Amino acid sequence: MKRISVLGLVLALGVLALAAVAFAGRSHDKGGGKNFSAKLNGWEEDPSQVTTGKGSFQAHIDSPTQISFTLKYRGLEGAAGMAHIHIGSRHETGGVSAWLCGNATQPACPPGQATEAVLNGTIQGDDIVGPTGQGVEVGAAGFADLIRAMRKGETYTNVHSPTRAPGGEIRGQNHGGHGDDDHGDHGKKRH
């Protein structure tokens, strides 16, 4: 009888040890992810846009001072004029943190309404434009804030077509940061 109790205790401790290791590994991943992605469409805009436009965004934190990214879009109903990463929760409008295309520090957005357009680029400290009203400093001092917001699921990417949808035609919440394949409920409104 003692042997069964000892065996049960050993098995229980083994299960607890495995759970602790799994939990510790998961906790270690939180906030440390380097890969992010978003699927962009009109339904994610605020307000929602009825459009045939679609896109995707992928980003990788290369270093504490650089993010590389790929932005793709197609089927826009207006010509792309600018694209950004914003600080904001899902279905909430937030301020611009970094331009992807269409301003003085990033190239013009590639043409691509009906056909797919692809833009590869980098974001560095000097590319951070705030939003200061949301606690993100301009320039290199704000780079860590952008990364922290991305890891919390509190950023989105959107593409604006100034003649069709000046506030944004397609948008998607950036996911990742809690492990490269985690696409859970990050960024959803909390009630």
Protein backbone atom coordinates (compact mmCIF):
# COMPACT_ATOMS: atom_id res chain seq x y z
CA MET A 1 0.00 0.00 0.00
CA LYS A 2 2.87 2.36 0.84
CA ARG A 3 4.46 1.59 -2.51
CA ILE A 4 1.28 2.69 -4.36
CA SER A 5 1.08 5.91 -2.32
CA VAL A 6 4.74 6.72 -2.99
CA LEU A 7 4.28 5.95 -6.71
CA GLY A 8 1.19 8.19 -6.83
CA LEU A 9 3.06 10.97 -5.08
CA VAL A 10 6.00 10.67 -7.50
CA LEU A 11 3.62 10.77 -10.51
CA ALA A 12 1.78 13.79 -9.10
CA LEU A 13 5.06 15.63 -8.49
CA GLY A 14 6.20 14.75 -12.01
CA VAL A 15 3.02 16.19 -13.53
CA LEU A 16 3.40 19.35 -11.43
CA ALA A 17 7.04 19.69 -12.47
CA LEU A 18 6.12 19.38 -16.16
CA ALA A 19 3.35 21.96 -15.74
CA ALA A 20 5.77 24.35 -14.02
CA VAL A 21 8.32 23.96 -16.83
CA ALA A 22 5.64 24.55 -19.47
CA PHE A 23 4.32 27.60 -17.62
CA ALA A 24 7.80 29.02 -17.14
CA GLY A 25 8.56 28.57 -20.84
CA ARG A 26 5.32 30.30 -21.77
CA SER A 27 5.99 33.15 -19.34
CA HIS A 28 9.47 33.54 -20.78
CA ASP A 29 8.01 33.96 -24.29
CA LYS A 30 5.60 36.69 -23.18
CA GLY A 31 6.87 40.03 -24.29
CA GLY A 32 9.92 38.52 -25.98
CA GLY A 33 8.58 37.54 -29.39
CA LYS A 34 10.22 38.93 -32.47
CA ASN A 35 7.77 38.02 -35.25
CA PHE A 36 4.48 39.79 -35.95
CA SER A 37 1.83 39.53 -38.63
CA ALA A 38 -1.53 40.96 -39.60
CA LYS A 39 -4.18 40.24 -42.21
CA LEU A 40 -5.55 43.52 -43.54
CA ASN A 41 -9.11 44.11 -44.74
CA GLY A 42 -11.75 46.81 -44.65
CA TRP A 43 -13.76 45.25 -41.83
CA GLU A 44 -10.97 45.99 -39.35
CA GLU A 45 -11.04 49.74 -40.10
CA ASP A 46 -12.74 52.20 -37.73
CA PRO A 47 -15.30 52.70 -39.14
CA SER A 48 -15.43 49.49 -41.17
CA GLN A 49 -14.92 49.88 -44.93
CA VAL A 50 -16.71 47.84 -47.57
CA THR A 51 -13.88 47.22 -50.02
CA THR A 52 -12.33 44.51 -52.15
CA GLY A 53 -8.92 45.47 -50.77
CA LYS A 54 -6.88 42.93 -48.81
CA GLY A 55 -3.36 42.72 -47.55
CA SER A 56 -0.85 41.32 -45.13
CA PHE A 57 1.88 42.66 -42.91
CA GLN A 58 4.84 40.77 -41.47
CA ALA A 59 7.49 42.25 -39.20
CA HIS A 60 10.58 40.96 -37.46
CA ILE A 61 12.47 42.70 -34.67
CA ASP A 62 16.03 42.48 -35.96
CA SER A 63 17.59 44.31 -33.01
CA PRO A 64 16.65 46.75 -30.25
CA THR A 65 16.93 49.50 -32.89
CA GLN A 66 15.51 47.95 -36.08
CA ILE A 67 12.37 46.22 -37.35
CA SER A 68 12.25 44.75 -40.86
CA PHE A 69 8.86 44.36 -42.54
CA THR A 70 6.96 43.23 -45.62
CA LEU A 71 3.66 44.89 -46.52
CA LYS A 72 1.49 43.40 -49.28
CA TYR A 73 -1.85 44.63 -50.59
CA ARG A 74 -4.14 44.05 -53.56
CA GLY A 75 -7.61 44.87 -54.81
CA LEU A 76 -7.69 48.36 -53.31
CA GLU A 77 -10.50 50.56 -54.58
CA GLY A 78 -8.29 53.65 -54.37
CA ALA A 79 -4.58 54.16 -54.99
CA ALA A 80 -2.47 53.61 -51.87
CA GLY A 81 -1.02 56.86 -50.62
CA MET A 82 0.36 55.95 -47.20
CA ALA A 83 0.68 53.10 -44.72
CA HIS A 84 1.50 53.13 -41.02
CA ILE A 85 1.75 51.22 -37.78
CA HIS A 86 -0.62 52.77 -35.24
CA ILE A 87 -0.84 52.34 -31.47
CA GLY A 88 -4.37 51.10 -30.84
CA SER A 89 -6.62 48.24 -29.86
CA ARG A 90 -8.80 46.34 -32.27
CA HIS A 91 -11.60 48.53 -33.72
CA GLU A 92 -10.24 51.64 -32.01
CA THR A 93 -8.43 54.44 -33.78
CA GLY A 94 -4.97 55.26 -32.46
CA GLY A 95 -2.14 57.57 -33.41
CA VAL A 96 0.57 56.87 -35.99
CA SER A 97 3.79 55.48 -34.54
CA ALA A 98 5.79 54.60 -37.67
CA TRP A 99 5.32 55.15 -41.39
CA LEU A 100 5.76 52.19 -43.73
CA CYS A 101 5.44 54.21 -46.96
CA GLY A 102 4.31 57.58 -48.23
CA ASN A 103 6.26 60.17 -46.22
CA ALA A 104 9.62 61.92 -46.29
CA THR A 105 11.55 59.15 -44.46
CA GLN A 106 9.97 56.14 -46.19
CA PRO A 107 9.50 55.49 -49.93
CA ALA A 108 6.27 56.14 -51.81
CA CYS A 109 3.71 53.35 -51.52
CA PRO A 110 4.00 51.01 -54.49
CA PRO A 111 1.18 51.32 -57.02
CA GLY A 112 -1.18 48.39 -56.73
CA GLN A 113 -4.93 48.75 -56.73
CA ALA A 114 -6.02 45.70 -58.72
CA THR A 115 -2.70 43.87 -58.68
CA GLU A 116 -0.61 42.95 -55.71
CA ALA A 117 1.90 45.47 -54.44
CA VAL A 118 4.78 44.45 -52.17
CA LEU A 119 6.93 46.70 -50.01
CA ASN A 120 9.95 45.52 -48.04
CA GLY A 121 11.55 47.95 -45.63
CA THR A 122 12.89 48.73 -42.19
CA ILE A 123 11.84 50.89 -39.27
CA GLN A 124 14.56 52.44 -37.13
CA GLY A 125 14.57 54.79 -34.18
CA ASP A 126 14.48 57.93 -36.30
CA ASP A 127 11.27 56.67 -37.97
CA ILE A 128 9.20 56.79 -34.76
CA VAL A 129 6.78 59.75 -34.87
CA GLY A 130 4.96 59.08 -31.57
CA PRO A 131 2.08 59.27 -30.85
CA THR A 132 3.19 61.50 -27.99
CA GLY A 133 -0.41 61.82 -26.78
CA GLN A 134 -0.35 58.08 -26.14
CA GLY A 135 2.99 58.10 -24.34
CA VAL A 136 5.31 57.21 -27.23
CA GLU A 137 8.24 59.60 -27.65
CA VAL A 138 9.39 60.77 -31.07
CA GLY A 139 12.61 59.29 -32.45
CA ALA A 140 14.87 56.61 -31.00
CA ALA A 141 13.50 57.17 -27.48
CA GLY A 142 10.11 55.88 -28.66
CA PHE A 143 11.37 52.74 -30.40
CA ALA A 144 11.16 50.54 -27.28
CA ASP A 145 7.62 51.85 -26.66
CA LEU A 146 6.54 50.73 -30.15
CA ILE A 147 8.03 47.28 -29.58
CA ARG A 148 6.32 47.01 -26.19
CA ALA A 149 2.96 47.97 -27.73
CA MET A 150 3.47 45.42 -30.52
CA ARG A 151 4.21 42.68 -27.99
CA LYS A 152 1.03 43.57 -26.08
CA GLY A 153 -1.06 43.26 -29.27
CA GLU A 154 -1.84 46.99 -29.13
CA THR A 155 -0.74 48.02 -32.63
CA TYR A 156 -2.34 47.79 -36.03
CA THR A 157 -1.19 48.32 -39.58
CA ASN A 158 -3.27 50.10 -42.17
CA VAL A 159 -3.10 51.30 -45.76
CA HIS A 160 -4.77 54.58 -46.67
CA SER A 161 -6.10 55.38 -50.13
CA PRO A 162 -6.57 59.16 -49.94
CA THR A 163 -9.15 59.41 -52.75
CA ARG A 164 -11.26 56.42 -51.62
CA ALA A 165 -10.67 56.07 -47.86
CA PRO A 166 -8.49 58.82 -46.37
CA GLY A 167 -8.83 57.35 -42.86
CA GLY A 168 -7.71 53.94 -44.10
CA GLU A 169 -9.04 51.39 -46.58
CA ILE A 170 -7.60 48.21 -45.08
CA ARG A 171 -6.30 47.44 -41.62
CA GLY A 172 -5.22 44.53 -39.44
CA GLN A 173 -4.26 44.08 -35.79
CA ASN A 174 -0.62 43.01 -35.43
CA HIS A 175 -0.29 39.67 -33.65
CA GLY A 176 2.75 37.92 -32.26
CA GLY A 177 5.16 38.73 -29.53
CA HIS A 178 3.92 35.97 -27.22
CA GLY A 179 5.67 33.32 -29.24
CA ASP A 180 5.93 33.40 -33.01
CA ASP A 181 2.77 31.38 -33.71
CA ASP A 182 0.45 32.86 -31.09
CA HIS A 183 -2.53 34.53 -32.77
CA GLY A 184 -4.92 34.52 -29.82
CA ASP A 185 -7.18 37.27 -28.54
CA HIS A 186 -4.52 39.97 -28.34
CA GLY A 187 -5.83 43.42 -28.91
CA LYS A 188 -9.52 42.63 -28.46
CA LYS A 189 -11.55 45.03 -26.38
CA ARG A 190 -11.87 44.17 -22.73
CA HIS A 191 -15.19 44.85 -21.00
